[in-house]
Amino acid sequence: TNLILSGQCGIDNLLDKFSRCFWVKHVMGMHTCN
């Protein structure tokens, strides 16, 4: 309840950390985690 993560930089800066990456927008089936 009331879980809040605080960040340090914008999304553009996060994407610049990698030369190639997959930007996940949707995940299906996370309830199946062991």
PDB file of all heavy atoms in Angstrom:
ATOM      1  N   THR A   1       0.857  -1.179   0.000  1.00  0.00           N
ATOM      2  CA  THR A   1       0.000   0.000   0.000  1.00  0.00           C
ATOM      3  C   THR A   1       0.897   1.236   0.000  1.00  0.00           C
ATOM      4  O   THR A   1       1.907   1.293   0.697  1.00  0.00           O
ATOM      5  CB  THR A   1      -0.903   0.053   1.239  1.00  0.00           C
ATOM      6  OG1 THR A   1      -0.109   0.043   2.412  1.00  0.00           O
ATOM      7  CG2 THR A   1      -1.853  -1.130   1.271  1.00  0.00           C
ATOM      8  N   ASN A   2       0.533   2.177  -0.823  1.00  0.00           N
ATOM      9  CA  ASN A   2       1.258   3.444  -0.898  1.00  0.00           C
ATOM     10  C   ASN A   2       2.746   3.255  -1.166  1.00  0.00           C
ATOM     11  O   ASN A   2       3.585   3.901  -0.552  1.00  0.00           O
ATOM     12  CB  ASN A   2       1.038   4.257   0.378  1.00  0.00           C
ATOM     13  CG  ASN A   2      -0.420   4.546   0.599  1.00  0.00           C
ATOM     14  OD1 ASN A   2      -1.182   4.686  -0.345  1.00  0.00           O
ATOM     15  ND2 ASN A   2      -0.815   4.614   1.843  1.00  0.00           N
ATOM     16  N   LEU A   3       3.098   2.384  -2.105  1.00  0.00           N
ATOM     17  CA  LEU A   3       4.479   2.185  -2.527  1.00  0.00           C
ATOM     18  C   LEU A   3       4.838   3.266  -3.536  1.00  0.00           C
ATOM     19  O   LEU A   3       4.146   3.442  -4.536  1.00  0.00           O
ATOM     20  CB  LEU A   3       4.656   0.803  -3.158  1.00  0.00           C
ATOM     21  CG  LEU A   3       6.028   0.523  -3.763  1.00  0.00           C
ATOM     22  CD1 LEU A   3       7.094   0.493  -2.667  1.00  0.00           C
ATOM     23  CD2 LEU A   3       6.010  -0.774  -4.534  1.00  0.00           C
ATOM     24  N   ILE A   4       5.896   4.007  -3.259  1.00  0.00           N
ATOM     25  CA  ILE A   4       6.314   5.097  -4.134  1.00  0.00           C
ATOM     26  C   ILE A   4       7.812   4.982  -4.393  1.00  0.00           C
ATOM     27  O   ILE A   4       8.615   4.950  -3.461  1.00  0.00           O
ATOM     28  CB  ILE A   4       6.008   6.475  -3.509  1.00  0.00           C
ATOM     29  CG1 ILE A   4       4.508   6.605  -3.242  1.00  0.00           C
ATOM     30  CG2 ILE A   4       6.508   7.594  -4.407  1.00  0.00           C
ATOM     31  CD1 ILE A   4       4.127   7.831  -2.458  1.00  0.00           C
ATOM     32  N   LEU A   5       8.198   4.899  -5.685  1.00  0.00           N
ATOM     33  CA  LEU A   5       9.611   4.931  -6.073  1.00  0.00           C
ATOM     34  C   LEU A   5       9.911   6.327  -6.594  1.00  0.00           C
ATOM     35  O   LEU A   5       9.136   6.879  -7.368  1.00  0.00           O
ATOM     36  CB  LEU A   5       9.893   3.916  -7.188  1.00  0.00           C
ATOM     37  CG  LEU A   5       9.756   2.443  -6.845  1.00  0.00           C
ATOM     38  CD1 LEU A   5      10.011   1.598  -8.086  1.00  0.00           C
ATOM     39  CD2 LEU A   5      10.713   2.055  -5.743  1.00  0.00           C
ATOM     40  N   SER A   6      11.032   6.898  -6.168  1.00  0.00           N
ATOM     41  CA  SER A   6      11.399   8.220  -6.665  1.00  0.00           C
ATOM     42  C   SER A   6      12.615   8.093  -7.568  1.00  0.00           C
ATOM     43  O   SER A   6      13.508   7.303  -7.314  1.00  0.00           O
ATOM     44  CB  SER A   6      11.686   9.166  -5.504  1.00  0.00           C
ATOM     45  OG  SER A   6      12.746   8.684  -4.725  1.00  0.00           O
ATOM     46  N   GLY A   7      12.618   8.862  -8.637  1.00  0.00           N
ATOM     47  CA  GLY A   7      13.670   8.759  -9.636  1.00  0.00           C
ATOM     48  C   GLY A   7      14.633   9.917  -9.636  1.00  0.00           C
ATOM     49  O   GLY A   7      14.449  10.911  -8.944  1.00  0.00           O
ATOM     50  N   GLN A   8      15.675   9.759 -10.478  1.00  0.00           N
ATOM     51  CA  GLN A   8      16.723  10.775 -10.563  1.00  0.00           C
ATOM     52  C   GLN A   8      16.777  11.482 -11.911  1.00  0.00           C
ATOM     53  O   GLN A   8      17.332  12.551 -12.026  1.00  0.00           O
ATOM     54  CB  GLN A   8      18.115  10.144 -10.333  1.00  0.00           C
ATOM     55  CG  GLN A   8      18.234   9.252  -9.156  1.00  0.00           C
ATOM     56  CD  GLN A   8      18.201   7.778  -9.529  1.00  0.00           C
ATOM     57  OE1 GLN A   8      17.632   7.381 -10.525  1.00  0.00           O
ATOM     58  NE2 GLN A   8      18.789   6.957  -8.690  1.00  0.00           N
ATOM     59  N   CYS A   9      16.236  10.841 -12.990  1.00  0.00           N
ATOM     60  CA  CYS A   9      16.393  11.438 -14.311  1.00  0.00           C
ATOM     61  C   CYS A   9      15.175  11.139 -15.189  1.00  0.00           C
ATOM     62  O   CYS A   9      14.384  10.262 -14.881  1.00  0.00           O
ATOM     63  CB  CYS A   9      17.662  10.928 -14.981  1.00  0.00           C
ATOM     64  SG  CYS A   9      17.726   9.140 -15.169  1.00  0.00           S
ATOM     65  N   GLY A  10      15.054  11.858 -16.287  1.00  0.00           N
ATOM     66  CA  GLY A  10      13.955  11.665 -17.217  1.00  0.00           C
ATOM     67  C   GLY A  10      14.118  10.401 -18.040  1.00  0.00           C
ATOM     68  O   GLY A  10      15.199   9.800 -18.081  1.00  0.00           O
ATOM     69  N   ILE A  11      13.054  10.016 -18.732  1.00  0.00           N
ATOM     70  CA  ILE A  11      13.078   8.795 -19.537  1.00  0.00           C
ATOM     71  C   ILE A  11      14.126   8.872 -20.645  1.00  0.00           C
ATOM     72  O   ILE A  11      14.774   7.872 -20.967  1.00  0.00           O
ATOM     73  CB  ILE A  11      11.674   8.477 -20.106  1.00  0.00           C
ATOM     74  CG1 ILE A  11      11.660   7.126 -20.815  1.00  0.00           C
ATOM     75  CG2 ILE A  11      11.188   9.568 -21.030  1.00  0.00           C
ATOM     76  CD1 ILE A  11      11.845   5.955 -19.913  1.00  0.00           C
ATOM     77  N   ASP A  12      14.352  10.048 -21.223  1.00  0.00           N
ATOM     78  CA  ASP A  12      15.365  10.184 -22.277  1.00  0.00           C
ATOM     79  C   ASP A  12      16.751   9.838 -21.752  1.00  0.00           C
ATOM     80  O   ASP A  12      17.539   9.184 -22.432  1.00  0.00           O
ATOM     81  CB  ASP A  12      15.357  11.596 -22.864  1.00  0.00           C
ATOM     82  CG  ASP A  12      14.086  11.882 -23.628  1.00  0.00           C
ATOM     83  OD1 ASP A  12      13.452  10.920 -24.118  1.00  0.00           O
ATOM     84  OD2 ASP A  12      13.708  13.065 -23.724  1.00  0.00           O
ATOM     85  N   ASN A  13      17.071  10.270 -20.540  1.00  0.00           N
ATOM     86  CA  ASN A  13      18.369   9.954 -19.947  1.00  0.00           C
ATOM     87  C   ASN A  13      18.506   8.467 -19.663  1.00  0.00           C
ATOM     88  O   ASN A  13      19.587   7.904 -19.785  1.00  0.00           O
ATOM     89  CB  ASN A  13      18.584  10.746 -18.663  1.00  0.00           C
ATOM     90  CG  ASN A  13      18.754  12.218 -18.927  1.00  0.00           C
ATOM     91  OD1 ASN A  13      18.675  12.668 -20.060  1.00  0.00           O
ATOM     92  ND2 ASN A  13      18.951  12.990 -17.884  1.00  0.00           N
ATOM     93  N   LEU A  14      17.405   7.815 -19.268  1.00  0.00           N
ATOM     94  CA  LEU A  14      17.452   6.369 -19.035  1.00  0.00           C
ATOM     95  C   LEU A  14      17.730   5.624 -20.335  1.00  0.00           C
ATOM     96  O   LEU A  14      18.548   4.704 -20.368  1.00  0.00           O
ATOM     97  CB  LEU A  14      16.143   5.871 -18.429  1.00  0.00           C
ATOM     98  CG  LEU A  14      15.862   6.216 -16.982  1.00  0.00           C
ATOM     99  CD1 LEU A  14      14.497   5.670 -16.574  1.00  0.00           C
ATOM    100  CD2 LEU A  14      16.931   5.666 -16.069  1.00  0.00           C
ATOM    101  N   LEU A  15      17.056   6.015 -21.410  1.00  0.00           N
ATOM    102  CA  LEU A  15      17.251   5.349 -22.696  1.00  0.00           C
ATOM    103  C   LEU A  15      18.645   5.586 -23.254  1.00  0.00           C
ATOM    104  O   LEU A  15      19.196   4.736 -23.948  1.00  0.00           O
ATOM    105  CB  LEU A  15      16.184   5.814 -23.699  1.00  0.00           C
ATOM    106  CG  LEU A  15      14.748   5.422 -23.365  1.00  0.00           C
ATOM    107  CD1 LEU A  15      13.784   6.047 -24.369  1.00  0.00           C
ATOM    108  CD2 LEU A  15      14.579   3.920 -23.311  1.00  0.00           C
ATOM    109  N   ASP A  16      19.253   6.730 -22.937  1.00  0.00           N
ATOM    110  CA  ASP A  16      20.609   7.040 -23.412  1.00  0.00           C
ATOM    111  C   ASP A  16      21.685   6.191 -22.737  1.00  0.00           C
ATOM    112  O   ASP A  16      22.814   6.147 -23.207  1.00  0.00           O
ATOM    113  CB  ASP A  16      20.926   8.525 -23.211  1.00  0.00           C
ATOM    114  CG  ASP A  16      20.183   9.410 -24.200  1.00  0.00           C
ATOM    115  OD1 ASP A  16      19.753   8.884 -25.250  1.00  0.00           O
ATOM    116  OD2 ASP A  16      20.035  10.609 -23.910  1.00  0.00           O
ATOM    117  N   LYS A  17      21.351   5.513 -21.636  1.00  0.00           N
ATOM    118  CA  LYS A  17      22.330   4.682 -20.932  1.00  0.00           C
ATOM    119  C   LYS A  17      22.745   3.466 -21.761  1.00  0.00           C
ATOM    120  O   LYS A  17      23.762   2.859 -21.508  1.00  0.00           O
ATOM    121  CB  LYS A  17      21.778   4.200 -19.590  1.00  0.00           C
ATOM    122  CG  LYS A  17      21.628   5.270 -18.546  1.00  0.00           C
ATOM    123  CD  LYS A  17      21.106   4.676 -17.249  1.00  0.00           C
ATOM    124  CE  LYS A  17      20.966   5.714 -16.179  1.00  0.00           C
ATOM    125  NZ  LYS A  17      22.222   6.116 -15.579  1.00  0.00           N
ATOM    126  N   PHE A  18      21.929   3.092 -22.752  1.00  0.00           N
ATOM    127  CA  PHE A  18      22.169   1.886 -23.529  1.00  0.00           C
ATOM    128  C   PHE A  18      22.277   2.216 -25.009  1.00  0.00           C
ATOM    129  O   PHE A  18      21.540   3.052 -25.510  1.00  0.00           O
ATOM    130  CB  PHE A  18      21.020   0.892 -23.331  1.00  0.00           C
ATOM    131  CG  PHE A  18      20.730   0.586 -21.882  1.00  0.00           C
ATOM    132  CD1 PHE A  18      19.714   1.241 -21.210  1.00  0.00           C
ATOM    133  CD2 PHE A  18      21.485  -0.350 -21.208  1.00  0.00           C
ATOM    134  CE1 PHE A  18      19.444   0.963 -19.883  1.00  0.00           C
ATOM    135  CE2 PHE A  18      21.225  -0.632 -19.881  1.00  0.00           C
ATOM    136  CZ  PHE A  18      20.208   0.026 -19.215  1.00  0.00           C
ATOM    137  N   SER A  19      23.179   1.525 -25.743  1.00  0.00           N
ATOM    138  CA  SER A  19      23.262   1.741 -27.181  1.00  0.00           C
ATOM    139  C   SER A  19      22.072   1.089 -27.882  1.00  0.00           C
ATOM    140  O   SER A  19      21.562   1.600 -28.870  1.00  0.00           O
ATOM    141  CB  SER A  19      24.574   1.193 -27.741  1.00  0.00           C
ATOM    142  OG  SER A  19      24.688  -0.187 -27.462  1.00  0.00           O
ATOM    143  N   ARG A  20      21.627  -0.069 -27.358  1.00  0.00           N
ATOM    144  CA  ARG A  20      20.435  -0.755 -27.864  1.00  0.00           C
ATOM    145  C   ARG A  20      19.670  -1.283 -26.656  1.00  0.00           C
ATOM    146  O   ARG A  20      20.268  -1.828 -25.734  1.00  0.00           O
ATOM    147  CB  ARG A  20      20.797  -1.928 -28.763  1.00  0.00           C
ATOM    148  CG  ARG A  20      21.500  -1.535 -30.025  1.00  0.00           C
ATOM    149  CD  ARG A  20      21.817  -2.724 -30.898  1.00  0.00           C
ATOM    150  NE  ARG A  20      22.457  -3.786 -30.110  1.00  0.00           N
ATOM    151  CZ  ARG A  20      22.334  -5.076 -30.361  1.00  0.00           C
ATOM    152  NH1 ARG A  20      21.583  -5.494 -31.354  1.00  0.00           N
ATOM    153  NH2 ARG A  20      22.962  -5.963 -29.629  1.00  0.00           N
ATOM    154  N   CYS A  21      18.339  -1.140 -26.679  1.00  0.00           N
ATOM    155  CA  CYS A  21      17.557  -1.663 -25.558  1.00  0.00           C
ATOM    156  C   CYS A  21      16.113  -1.892 -25.969  1.00  0.00           C
ATOM    157  O   CYS A  21      15.667  -1.416 -27.012  1.00  0.00           O
ATOM    158  CB  CYS A  21      17.632  -0.737 -24.352  1.00  0.00           C
ATOM    159  SG  CYS A  21      16.802   0.852 -24.551  1.00  0.00           S
ATOM    160  N   PHE A  22      15.412  -2.640 -25.145  1.00  0.00           N
ATOM    161  CA  PHE A  22      13.985  -2.882 -25.319  1.00  0.00           C
ATOM    162  C   PHE A  22      13.263  -2.100 -24.243  1.00  0.00           C
ATOM    163  O   PHE A  22      13.488  -2.311 -23.053  1.00  0.00           O
ATOM    164  CB  PHE A  22      13.687  -4.379 -25.209  1.00  0.00           C
ATOM    165  CG  PHE A  22      12.231  -4.720 -25.293  1.00  0.00           C
ATOM    166  CD1 PHE A  22      11.448  -4.280 -26.343  1.00  0.00           C
ATOM    167  CD2 PHE A  22      11.638  -5.489 -24.320  1.00  0.00           C
ATOM    168  CE1 PHE A  22      10.105  -4.595 -26.430  1.00  0.00           C
ATOM    169  CE2 PHE A  22      10.298  -5.816 -24.386  1.00  0.00           C
ATOM    170  CZ  PHE A  22       9.530  -5.369 -25.450  1.00  0.00           C
ATOM    171  N   TRP A  23      12.404  -1.165 -24.642  1.00  0.00           N
ATOM    172  CA  TRP A  23      11.637  -0.331 -23.730  1.00  0.00           C
ATOM    173  C   TRP A  23      10.297  -1.025 -23.520  1.00  0.00           C
ATOM    174  O   TRP A  23       9.421  -0.998 -24.381  1.00  0.00           O
ATOM    175  CB  TRP A  23      11.477   1.050 -24.325  1.00  0.00           C
ATOM    176  CG  TRP A  23      10.738   2.043 -23.495  1.00  0.00           C
ATOM    177  CD1 TRP A  23      10.328   1.924 -22.202  1.00  0.00           C
ATOM    178  CD2 TRP A  23      10.310   3.339 -23.912  1.00  0.00           C
ATOM    179  NE1 TRP A  23       9.688   3.053 -21.790  1.00  0.00           N
ATOM    180  CE2 TRP A  23       9.655   3.935 -22.825  1.00  0.00           C
ATOM    181  CE3 TRP A  23      10.427   4.037 -25.094  1.00  0.00           C
ATOM    182  CZ2 TRP A  23       9.116   5.207 -22.895  1.00  0.00           C
ATOM    183  CZ3 TRP A  23       9.883   5.304 -25.158  1.00  0.00           C
ATOM    184  CH2 TRP A  23       9.242   5.882 -24.068  1.00  0.00           C
ATOM    185  N   VAL A  24      10.123  -1.647 -22.374  1.00  0.00           N
ATOM    186  CA  VAL A  24       8.922  -2.423 -22.072  1.00  0.00           C
ATOM    187  C   VAL A  24       7.780  -1.471 -21.742  1.00  0.00           C
ATOM    188  O   VAL A  24       7.895  -0.641 -20.855  1.00  0.00           O
ATOM    189  CB  VAL A  24       9.165  -3.393 -20.890  1.00  0.00           C
ATOM    190  CG1 VAL A  24       7.897  -4.164 -20.573  1.00  0.00           C
ATOM    191  CG2 VAL A  24      10.324  -4.315 -21.179  1.00  0.00           C
ATOM    192  N   LYS A  25       6.673  -1.628 -22.462  1.00  0.00           N
ATOM    193  CA  LYS A  25       5.489  -0.820 -22.204  1.00  0.00           C
ATOM    194  C   LYS A  25       4.366  -1.631 -21.564  1.00  0.00           C
ATOM    195  O   LYS A  25       3.577  -1.105 -20.802  1.00  0.00           O
ATOM    196  CB  LYS A  25       4.978  -0.189 -23.513  1.00  0.00           C
ATOM    197  CG  LYS A  25       5.983   0.744 -24.175  1.00  0.00           C
ATOM    198  CD  LYS A  25       6.311   1.939 -23.342  1.00  0.00           C
ATOM    199  CE  LYS A  25       5.215   2.949 -23.423  1.00  0.00           C
ATOM    200  NZ  LYS A  25       5.454   4.168 -22.685  1.00  0.00           N
ATOM    201  N   HIS A  26       4.278  -2.937 -21.893  1.00  0.00           N
ATOM    202  CA  HIS A  26       3.227  -3.801 -21.356  1.00  0.00           C
ATOM    203  C   HIS A  26       3.808  -5.181 -21.064  1.00  0.00           C
ATOM    204  O   HIS A  26       4.632  -5.680 -21.825  1.00  0.00           O
ATOM    205  CB  HIS A  26       2.073  -3.958 -22.350  1.00  0.00           C
ATOM    206  CG  HIS A  26       1.452  -2.670 -22.744  1.00  0.00           C
ATOM    207  ND1 HIS A  26       0.584  -1.996 -21.919  1.00  0.00           N
ATOM    208  CD2 HIS A  26       1.574  -1.920 -23.853  1.00  0.00           C
ATOM    209  CE1 HIS A  26       0.197  -0.880 -22.525  1.00  0.00           C
ATOM    210  NE2 HIS A  26       0.791  -0.809 -23.704  1.00  0.00           N
ATOM    211  N   VAL A  27       3.351  -5.772 -19.966  1.00  0.00           N
ATOM    212  CA  VAL A  27       3.749  -7.134 -19.591  1.00  0.00           C
ATOM    213  C   VAL A  27       2.488  -7.944 -19.367  1.00  0.00           C
ATOM    214  O   VAL A  27       1.540  -7.466 -18.740  1.00  0.00           O
ATOM    215  CB  VAL A  27       4.615  -7.128 -18.310  1.00  0.00           C
ATOM    216  CG1 VAL A  27       4.975  -8.533 -17.888  1.00  0.00           C
ATOM    217  CG2 VAL A  27       5.874  -6.319 -18.527  1.00  0.00           C
ATOM    218  N   MET A  28       2.478  -9.163 -19.882  1.00  0.00           N
ATOM    219  CA  MET A  28       1.316 -10.038 -19.734  1.00  0.00           C
ATOM    220  C   MET A  28       1.722 -11.290 -18.948  1.00  0.00           C
ATOM    221  O   MET A  28       2.720 -11.927 -19.277  1.00  0.00           O
ATOM    222  CB  MET A  28       0.780 -10.470 -21.106  1.00  0.00           C
ATOM    223  CG  MET A  28       0.039  -9.398 -21.838  1.00  0.00           C
ATOM    224  SD  MET A  28       0.803  -8.475 -23.201  1.00  0.00           S
ATOM    225  CE  MET A  28       2.187  -9.268 -23.786  1.00  0.00           C
ATOM    226  N   GLY A  29       0.986 -11.625 -17.907  1.00  0.00           N
ATOM    227  CA  GLY A  29       1.226 -12.854 -17.158  1.00  0.00           C
ATOM    228  C   GLY A  29       2.172 -12.726 -15.984  1.00  0.00           C
ATOM    229  O   GLY A  29       2.733 -13.719 -15.527  1.00  0.00           O
ATOM    230  N   MET A  30       2.346 -11.521 -15.445  1.00  0.00           N
ATOM    231  CA  MET A  30       3.286 -11.351 -14.330  1.00  0.00           C
ATOM    232  C   MET A  30       2.845 -12.125 -13.100  1.00  0.00           C
ATOM    233  O   MET A  30       3.667 -12.476 -12.260  1.00  0.00           O
ATOM    234  CB  MET A  30       3.429  -9.865 -13.997  1.00  0.00           C
ATOM    235  CG  MET A  30       4.686  -9.521 -13.249  1.00  0.00           C
ATOM    236  SD  MET A  30       6.146  -9.911 -14.225  1.00  0.00           S
ATOM    237  CE  MET A  30       7.074 -10.862 -13.090  1.00  0.00           C
ATOM    238  N   HIS A  31       1.576 -12.441 -12.990  1.00  0.00           N
ATOM    239  CA  HIS A  31       1.076 -13.220 -11.853  1.00  0.00           C
ATOM    240  C   HIS A  31       1.633 -14.643 -11.854  1.00  0.00           C
ATOM    241  O   HIS A  31       1.486 -15.357 -10.874  1.00  0.00           O
ATOM    242  CB  HIS A  31      -0.453 -13.247 -11.873  1.00  0.00           C
ATOM    243  CG  HIS A  31      -1.018 -13.935 -13.066  1.00  0.00           C
ATOM    244  ND1 HIS A  31      -1.098 -13.310 -14.291  1.00  0.00           N
ATOM    245  CD2 HIS A  31      -1.499 -15.182 -13.233  1.00  0.00           C
ATOM    246  CE1 HIS A  31      -1.613 -14.168 -15.161  1.00  0.00           C
ATOM    247  NE2 HIS A  31      -1.871 -15.304 -14.541  1.00  0.00           N
ATOM    248  N   THR A  32       2.287 -15.063 -12.943  1.00  0.00           N
ATOM    249  CA  THR A  32       2.825 -16.423 -13.016  1.00  0.00           C
ATOM    250  C   THR A  32       4.249 -16.525 -12.468  1.00  0.00           C
ATOM    251  O   THR A  32       4.859 -17.573 -12.567  1.00  0.00           O
ATOM    252  CB  THR A  32       2.818 -16.936 -14.465  1.00  0.00           C
ATOM    253  OG1 THR A  32       3.650 -16.083 -15.265  1.00  0.00           O
ATOM    254  CG2 THR A  32       1.400 -16.942 -15.035  1.00  0.00           C
ATOM    255  N   CYS A  33       4.770 -15.468 -11.889  1.00  0.00           N
ATOM    256  CA  CYS A  33       6.109 -15.488 -11.304  1.00  0.00           C
ATOM    257  C   CYS A  33       6.182 -16.547 -10.200  1.00  0.00           C
ATOM    258  O   CYS A  33       5.263 -16.690  -9.403  1.00  0.00           O
ATOM    259  CB  CYS A  33       6.439 -14.119 -10.726  1.00  0.00           C
ATOM    260  SG  CYS A  33       8.016 -14.028  -9.884  1.00  0.00           S
ATOM    261  N   ASN A  34       7.281 -17.298 -10.157  1.00  0.00           N
ATOM    262  CA  ASN A  34       7.478 -18.312  -9.125  1.00  0.00           C
ATOM    263  C   ASN A  34       7.721 -17.609  -7.793  1.00  0.00           C
ATOM    264  O   ASN A  34       8.730 -16.927  -7.610  1.00  0.00           O
ATOM    265  CB  ASN A  34       8.656 -19.208  -9.490  1.00  0.00           C
ATOM    266  CG  ASN A  34       8.833 -20.355  -8.550  1.00  0.00           C
ATOM    267  OD1 ASN A  34       8.714 -20.217  -7.333  1.00  0.00           O
ATOM    268  ND2 ASN A  34       9.140 -21.511  -9.111  1.00  0.00           N
TER     269      ASN A  34
END
